[in-house]
Amino acid sequence: MKQTDLFLVDEVFTLFTDECVEKGLTDKPAGSIFNCDESSFCHDPSNTKVISPCGLPCKRQTAGTGRLNTTVAADGSKFPPFVVFKGKKIWENWMSKDAYPGTAYAVSDSGWMTEKVFLNWFQHQFIERVKTIEGPKLLIYDGHTSHVSLSLIECAVKNDISLLKLPPHTTHFLQPLDVSAFKPLKTKWDKVLVDWQRHNYGRTLGKADFSKILGETWPALSDHNIKAGFMKTGIFPSIKLPCQQSIMVLLSLLVLDSRHSSRQQAQANQLATVPRLPQLRDRQIVGLYHQHLMLAEIK
């Protein structure tokens, strides 16, 4: 949370709300609001678990044969996976017959999402699947460079699709896939991967094996977890994010405390009842307070 500008978060929700009102999405079903994201999956069973101090972020190596683009809707539905392999062209033997139905494939020089690959996905996967939905649609994603291009914007405008790019350092609590969907999916992946390794000792996970295991894992991306992600972020149903409310209350209490020292104990009692953001230190709260004062002076 150290890099998160919570005033910018409030602006994101304002932009999101204004766009929904302008496009009439507030009266549309949840299936008109989408979130997409890419992620890697661990290919080494020995790296499926890591140890980290309680309350601190931890990382593990997830680089491997392919990356995955995932798209979900606020109604709990999901698209088939879109797999990006490293290579020059796609070979038929990379596509397992046991892959999840509708799985699509692409290649790039690095195995990562590129502007060209993302545009191809948007035109031939996303638009093809949402064109039967009446009215405007909204797609939310992070600010990776591959997600922004003139061709993409023109294509989105032509098909009545609004694009909402999330600010840096906010996807861990503003992106539904990151908030609640990816965790159970990758937990299931780790279990299936370990089981595969036990039956294929000495083998390296190949591209066809990747597609097959992904097919077994994909049902773990449940509609319950997808809906929970949209709800926890405040995107659908559209509400103020709980963490936003907490910060604004903290700021207002700090202002009151600075002006009325005689009520210090009462304010401390109120602060104790306000849910704190993970890893939000006192110095950060003070920094937000000063930022709040500067904005007030500008106004």
Protein backbone atom coordinates (compact mmCIF):
# COMPACT_ATOMS: atom_id res chain seq x y z
CA MET A 1 0.00 0.00 0.00
CA LYS A 2 3.01 2.30 0.32
CA GLN A 3 2.79 3.52 -3.28
CA THR A 4 -0.99 3.83 -3.38
CA ASP A 5 -2.50 7.28 -3.80
CA LEU A 6 -5.87 6.90 -2.11
CA PHE A 7 -7.08 10.25 -3.41
CA LEU A 8 -6.47 8.90 -6.90
CA VAL A 9 -8.52 5.83 -5.97
CA ASP A 10 -11.45 8.10 -5.15
CA GLU A 11 -11.07 9.70 -8.60
CA VAL A 12 -11.17 6.24 -10.21
CA PHE A 13 -14.49 5.48 -8.56
CA THR A 14 -15.84 8.87 -9.61
CA LEU A 15 -14.79 8.17 -13.21
CA PHE A 16 -16.26 4.68 -13.03
CA THR A 17 -19.57 5.95 -11.65
CA ASP A 18 -19.82 8.78 -14.21
CA GLU A 19 -19.13 6.37 -17.07
CA CYS A 20 -21.76 3.90 -15.84
CA VAL A 21 -24.34 6.67 -15.54
CA GLU A 22 -23.51 8.15 -18.95
CA LYS A 23 -23.63 4.74 -20.68
CA GLY A 24 -26.64 3.54 -18.75
CA LEU A 25 -24.73 0.62 -17.24
CA THR A 26 -26.30 1.19 -13.83
CA ASP A 27 -29.53 -0.28 -15.18
CA LYS A 28 -27.82 -3.06 -17.14
CA PRO A 29 -27.20 -6.63 -15.95
CA ALA A 30 -23.87 -7.45 -14.30
CA GLY A 31 -22.81 -9.29 -17.45
CA SER A 32 -22.00 -5.97 -19.13
CA ILE A 33 -19.02 -5.22 -16.84
CA PHE A 34 -15.79 -7.18 -17.40
CA ASN A 35 -12.28 -7.49 -15.98
CA CYS A 36 -9.28 -9.04 -17.76
CA ASP A 37 -5.75 -9.72 -16.59
CA GLU A 38 -2.68 -11.80 -17.40
CA SER A 39 -0.83 -14.08 -15.04
CA SER A 40 1.91 -16.72 -14.98
CA PHE A 41 1.58 -20.15 -13.43
CA CYS A 42 4.34 -21.96 -11.53
CA HIS A 43 5.83 -24.90 -13.46
CA ASP A 44 8.08 -26.30 -10.72
CA PRO A 45 6.27 -28.30 -7.98
CA SER A 46 9.06 -27.43 -5.52
CA ASN A 47 8.08 -23.75 -5.82
CA THR A 48 4.37 -24.15 -5.11
CA LYS A 49 4.85 -23.08 -1.48
CA VAL A 50 6.89 -20.25 0.07
CA ILE A 51 7.52 -19.11 3.63
CA SER A 52 7.18 -15.44 4.54
CA PRO A 53 6.80 -13.39 7.75
CA CYS A 54 3.17 -12.91 8.76
CA GLY A 55 1.63 -9.73 7.38
CA LEU A 56 4.34 -9.08 4.77
CA PRO A 57 4.07 -9.59 1.00
CA CYS A 58 5.86 -12.61 -0.46
CA LYS A 59 6.83 -13.60 -3.98
CA ARG A 60 7.76 -16.75 -5.82
CA GLN A 61 9.10 -17.53 -9.28
CA THR A 62 6.25 -18.25 -11.70
CA ALA A 63 8.00 -17.98 -15.06
CA GLY A 64 7.43 -20.91 -17.37
CA THR A 65 6.04 -22.27 -20.61
CA GLY A 66 3.07 -19.95 -20.98
CA ARG A 67 1.15 -16.97 -19.65
CA LEU A 68 -2.58 -16.74 -19.37
CA ASN A 69 -5.12 -14.03 -20.12
CA THR A 70 -8.27 -14.35 -18.04
CA THR A 71 -11.54 -12.49 -18.55
CA VAL A 72 -14.48 -12.53 -16.13
CA ALA A 73 -17.79 -10.67 -15.82
CA ALA A 74 -19.52 -9.22 -12.78
CA ASP A 75 -22.30 -11.80 -13.14
CA GLY A 76 -19.79 -14.56 -12.31
CA SER A 77 -19.26 -15.84 -15.85
CA LYS A 78 -15.81 -16.42 -17.33
CA PHE A 79 -14.24 -16.67 -20.77
CA PRO A 80 -12.15 -19.68 -21.83
CA PRO A 81 -8.43 -19.11 -21.18
CA PHE A 82 -6.24 -17.30 -23.68
CA VAL A 83 -2.72 -18.78 -23.53
CA VAL A 84 0.38 -16.93 -24.75
CA PHE A 85 3.40 -19.13 -25.49
CA LYS A 86 6.95 -18.09 -26.31
CA GLY A 87 7.65 -18.75 -29.97
CA LYS A 88 7.33 -17.62 -33.58
CA LYS A 89 4.24 -19.61 -34.54
CA ILE A 90 1.77 -21.99 -32.94
CA TRP A 91 2.20 -25.73 -33.46
CA GLU A 92 -0.73 -28.10 -33.40
CA ASN A 93 0.91 -30.42 -30.85
CA TRP A 94 0.88 -27.57 -28.30
CA MET A 95 -2.92 -27.77 -28.16
CA SER A 96 -4.05 -30.59 -25.92
CA LYS A 97 -7.31 -32.36 -26.73
CA ASP A 98 -8.01 -32.21 -23.00
CA ALA A 99 -7.70 -28.42 -22.86
CA TYR A 100 -10.64 -26.40 -21.54
CA PRO A 101 -13.26 -26.04 -24.33
CA GLY A 102 -12.74 -22.84 -26.29
CA THR A 103 -9.14 -22.29 -25.15
CA ALA A 104 -7.34 -19.93 -27.55
CA TYR A 105 -3.60 -19.62 -28.18
CA ALA A 106 -1.11 -17.00 -29.31
CA VAL A 107 2.66 -16.57 -29.41
CA SER A 108 5.11 -13.74 -28.81
CA ASP A 109 8.90 -13.52 -28.84
CA SER A 110 9.07 -13.29 -25.05
CA GLY A 111 6.00 -15.30 -24.07
CA TRP A 112 4.51 -12.16 -22.53
CA MET A 113 1.51 -10.17 -23.64
CA THR A 114 2.27 -7.64 -26.38
CA GLU A 115 0.28 -4.83 -27.96
CA LYS A 116 -0.32 -6.90 -31.09
CA VAL A 117 -1.40 -10.03 -29.21
CA PHE A 118 -3.72 -8.08 -26.90
CA LEU A 119 -5.36 -6.32 -29.84
CA ASN A 120 -5.83 -9.69 -31.54
CA TRP A 121 -7.45 -11.06 -28.36
CA PHE A 122 -9.69 -8.00 -28.06
CA GLN A 123 -10.89 -8.19 -31.66
CA HIS A 124 -11.32 -11.95 -32.07
CA GLN A 125 -12.00 -13.19 -28.54
CA PHE A 126 -13.52 -10.44 -26.42
CA ILE A 127 -15.68 -8.69 -29.03
CA GLU A 128 -16.85 -11.99 -30.51
CA ARG A 129 -18.09 -13.12 -27.09
CA VAL A 130 -19.78 -9.89 -26.00
CA LYS A 131 -21.38 -8.87 -29.30
CA THR A 132 -24.58 -10.70 -28.37
CA ILE A 133 -24.97 -8.50 -25.25
CA GLU A 134 -27.18 -5.54 -25.98
CA GLY A 135 -26.04 -2.03 -25.16
CA PRO A 136 -22.67 -0.66 -24.02
CA LYS A 137 -20.04 -2.72 -22.22
CA LEU A 138 -17.23 -1.81 -19.83
CA LEU A 139 -13.83 -3.52 -19.67
CA ILE A 140 -11.55 -2.91 -16.69
CA TYR A 141 -7.83 -3.77 -16.75
CA ASP A 142 -4.42 -2.68 -15.51
CA GLY A 143 -2.14 -0.13 -17.15
CA HIS A 144 0.34 -2.49 -18.84
CA THR A 145 1.76 -0.94 -22.01
CA SER A 146 0.34 -3.76 -24.15
CA HIS A 147 -3.18 -2.72 -23.13
CA VAL A 148 -3.04 0.77 -24.62
CA SER A 149 -2.98 1.48 -28.36
CA LEU A 150 -4.81 3.71 -30.81
CA SER A 151 -6.11 0.70 -32.74
CA LEU A 152 -7.54 -0.79 -29.56
CA ILE A 153 -9.29 2.44 -28.58
CA GLU A 154 -10.76 2.88 -32.06
CA CYS A 155 -12.00 -0.70 -32.03
CA ALA A 156 -13.54 -0.23 -28.58
CA VAL A 157 -15.36 2.98 -29.61
CA LYS A 158 -16.67 1.31 -32.75
CA ASN A 159 -18.14 -1.54 -30.70
CA ASP A 160 -19.54 0.65 -27.88
CA ILE A 161 -17.06 -0.66 -25.31
CA SER A 162 -15.69 1.62 -22.59
CA LEU A 163 -12.14 0.96 -21.34
CA LEU A 164 -11.18 1.73 -17.74
CA LYS A 165 -7.44 1.52 -17.01
CA LEU A 166 -6.57 1.12 -13.34
CA PRO A 167 -3.82 3.36 -11.88
CA PRO A 168 -0.45 1.88 -10.83
CA HIS A 169 -0.22 0.16 -7.41
CA THR A 170 -3.99 -0.33 -7.11
CA THR A 171 -4.74 -3.66 -8.81
CA HIS A 172 -4.24 -5.63 -5.59
CA PHE A 173 -7.44 -4.12 -4.21
CA LEU A 174 -9.23 -2.67 -7.26
CA GLN A 175 -8.97 -5.56 -9.74
CA PRO A 176 -11.52 -8.36 -9.12
CA LEU A 177 -9.27 -11.08 -10.54
CA ASP A 178 -6.44 -10.16 -8.19
CA VAL A 179 -8.70 -9.72 -5.16
CA SER A 180 -10.40 -13.12 -5.04
CA ALA A 181 -10.32 -15.08 -8.30
CA PHE A 182 -6.67 -15.92 -9.00
CA LYS A 183 -5.84 -17.28 -5.53
CA PRO A 184 -8.18 -20.34 -5.56
CA LEU A 185 -7.35 -20.94 -9.23
CA LYS A 186 -3.60 -21.07 -8.55
CA THR A 187 -4.09 -23.15 -5.40
CA LYS A 188 -5.88 -25.75 -7.52
CA TRP A 189 -3.15 -25.45 -10.17
CA ASP A 190 -0.44 -26.20 -7.58
CA LYS A 191 -2.24 -29.36 -6.43
CA VAL A 192 -2.77 -30.63 -9.97
CA LEU A 193 0.84 -29.79 -10.89
CA VAL A 194 2.24 -31.77 -7.95
CA ASP A 195 0.04 -34.74 -8.85
CA TRP A 196 1.19 -34.54 -12.48
CA GLN A 197 4.84 -34.53 -11.41
CA ARG A 198 4.34 -37.65 -9.29
CA HIS A 199 3.09 -39.53 -12.34
CA ASN A 200 5.66 -38.03 -14.73
CA TYR A 201 8.88 -38.14 -12.73
CA GLY A 202 11.84 -36.68 -14.63
CA ARG A 203 9.68 -35.00 -17.28
CA THR A 204 9.53 -31.28 -17.95
CA LEU A 205 6.13 -29.68 -18.25
CA GLY A 206 5.57 -29.15 -21.96
CA LYS A 207 3.16 -26.84 -23.72
CA ALA A 208 0.57 -29.56 -24.37
CA ASP A 209 0.84 -30.65 -20.74
CA PHE A 210 0.34 -27.03 -19.69
CA SER A 211 -2.88 -26.82 -21.71
CA LYS A 212 -4.14 -30.14 -20.30
CA ILE A 213 -3.47 -29.20 -16.66
CA LEU A 214 -5.03 -25.80 -17.23
CA GLY A 215 -8.15 -27.57 -18.48
CA GLU A 216 -8.35 -29.53 -15.24
CA THR A 217 -7.77 -26.40 -13.17
CA TRP A 218 -10.07 -23.92 -14.90
CA PRO A 219 -13.31 -24.97 -13.11
CA ALA A 220 -11.70 -23.65 -9.87
CA LEU A 221 -12.38 -20.17 -11.25
CA SER A 222 -15.88 -20.31 -9.81
CA ASP A 223 -18.73 -17.86 -10.29
CA HIS A 224 -18.85 -17.38 -6.50
CA ASN A 225 -15.22 -16.19 -6.35
CA ILE A 226 -15.65 -13.98 -9.41
CA LYS A 227 -18.72 -12.26 -7.96
CA ALA A 228 -16.88 -11.85 -4.64
CA GLY A 229 -14.03 -10.07 -6.44
CA PHE A 230 -16.37 -7.50 -8.01
CA MET A 231 -18.17 -7.02 -4.70
CA LYS A 232 -15.01 -6.59 -2.58
CA THR A 233 -13.58 -4.01 -4.96
CA GLY A 234 -16.82 -2.05 -4.89
CA ILE A 235 -17.24 -2.30 -8.67
CA PHE A 236 -20.45 -4.32 -8.63
CA PRO A 237 -22.66 -3.67 -6.85
CA SER A 238 -21.20 -0.18 -7.22
CA ILE A 239 -20.35 1.07 -3.73
CA LYS A 240 -17.60 3.03 -2.03
CA LEU A 241 -14.62 0.79 -1.43
CA PRO A 242 -14.37 -0.18 2.26
CA CYS A 243 -10.74 0.91 2.37
CA GLN A 244 -11.70 4.32 0.96
CA GLN A 245 -14.23 4.82 3.70
CA SER A 246 -11.68 3.85 6.33
CA ILE A 247 -9.08 6.31 5.07
CA MET A 248 -11.52 9.19 4.80
CA VAL A 249 -12.70 8.56 8.35
CA LEU A 250 -9.09 8.39 9.55
CA LEU A 251 -8.28 11.70 7.86
CA SER A 252 -11.32 13.44 9.31
CA LEU A 253 -10.53 12.14 12.78
CA LEU A 254 -6.93 13.35 12.50
CA VAL A 255 -8.15 16.81 11.50
CA LEU A 256 -10.52 16.94 14.46
CA ASP A 257 -7.79 15.69 16.78
CA SER A 258 -5.42 18.46 15.67
CA ARG A 259 -8.02 21.12 16.46
CA HIS A 260 -9.52 19.71 19.64
CA SER A 261 -6.80 18.26 21.85
CA SER A 262 -9.22 17.92 24.75
CA ARG A 263 -11.04 15.19 22.81
CA GLN A 264 -7.90 13.17 22.15
CA GLN A 265 -9.01 10.08 24.04
CA ALA A 266 -12.41 10.04 22.38
CA GLN A 267 -10.80 10.23 18.96
CA ALA A 268 -8.44 7.39 19.84
CA ASN A 269 -11.40 5.23 20.78
CA GLN A 270 -13.03 5.99 17.43
CA LEU A 271 -9.85 5.20 15.55
CA ALA A 272 -9.72 1.80 17.21
CA THR A 273 -13.09 0.90 15.66
CA VAL A 274 -12.08 1.88 12.10
CA PRO A 275 -10.80 -1.04 9.97
CA ARG A 276 -7.20 -0.36 8.97
CA LEU A 277 -5.72 -1.05 5.60
CA PRO A 278 -3.09 -3.81 5.49
CA GLN A 279 0.44 -2.42 6.07
CA LEU A 280 -0.77 1.17 6.34
CA ARG A 281 1.71 2.68 8.81
CA ASP A 282 1.20 5.80 10.95
CA ARG A 283 3.70 7.76 8.86
CA GLN A 284 1.60 6.99 5.76
CA ILE A 285 -1.56 8.22 7.50
CA VAL A 286 0.24 11.42 8.45
CA GLY A 287 1.42 11.76 4.85
CA LEU A 288 -2.15 11.37 3.61
CA TYR A 289 -3.25 13.96 6.15
CA HIS A 290 -0.72 16.50 4.85
CA GLN A 291 -1.77 15.70 1.29
CA HIS A 292 -5.38 16.32 2.34
CA LEU A 293 -4.41 19.73 3.80
CA MET A 294 -2.57 20.76 0.63
CA LEU A 295 -5.59 19.87 -1.49
CA ALA A 296 -7.79 21.89 0.84
CA GLU A 297 -5.49 24.93 0.49
CA ILE A 298 -5.56 24.65 -3.30
CA LYS A 299 -9.35 24.65 -3.26
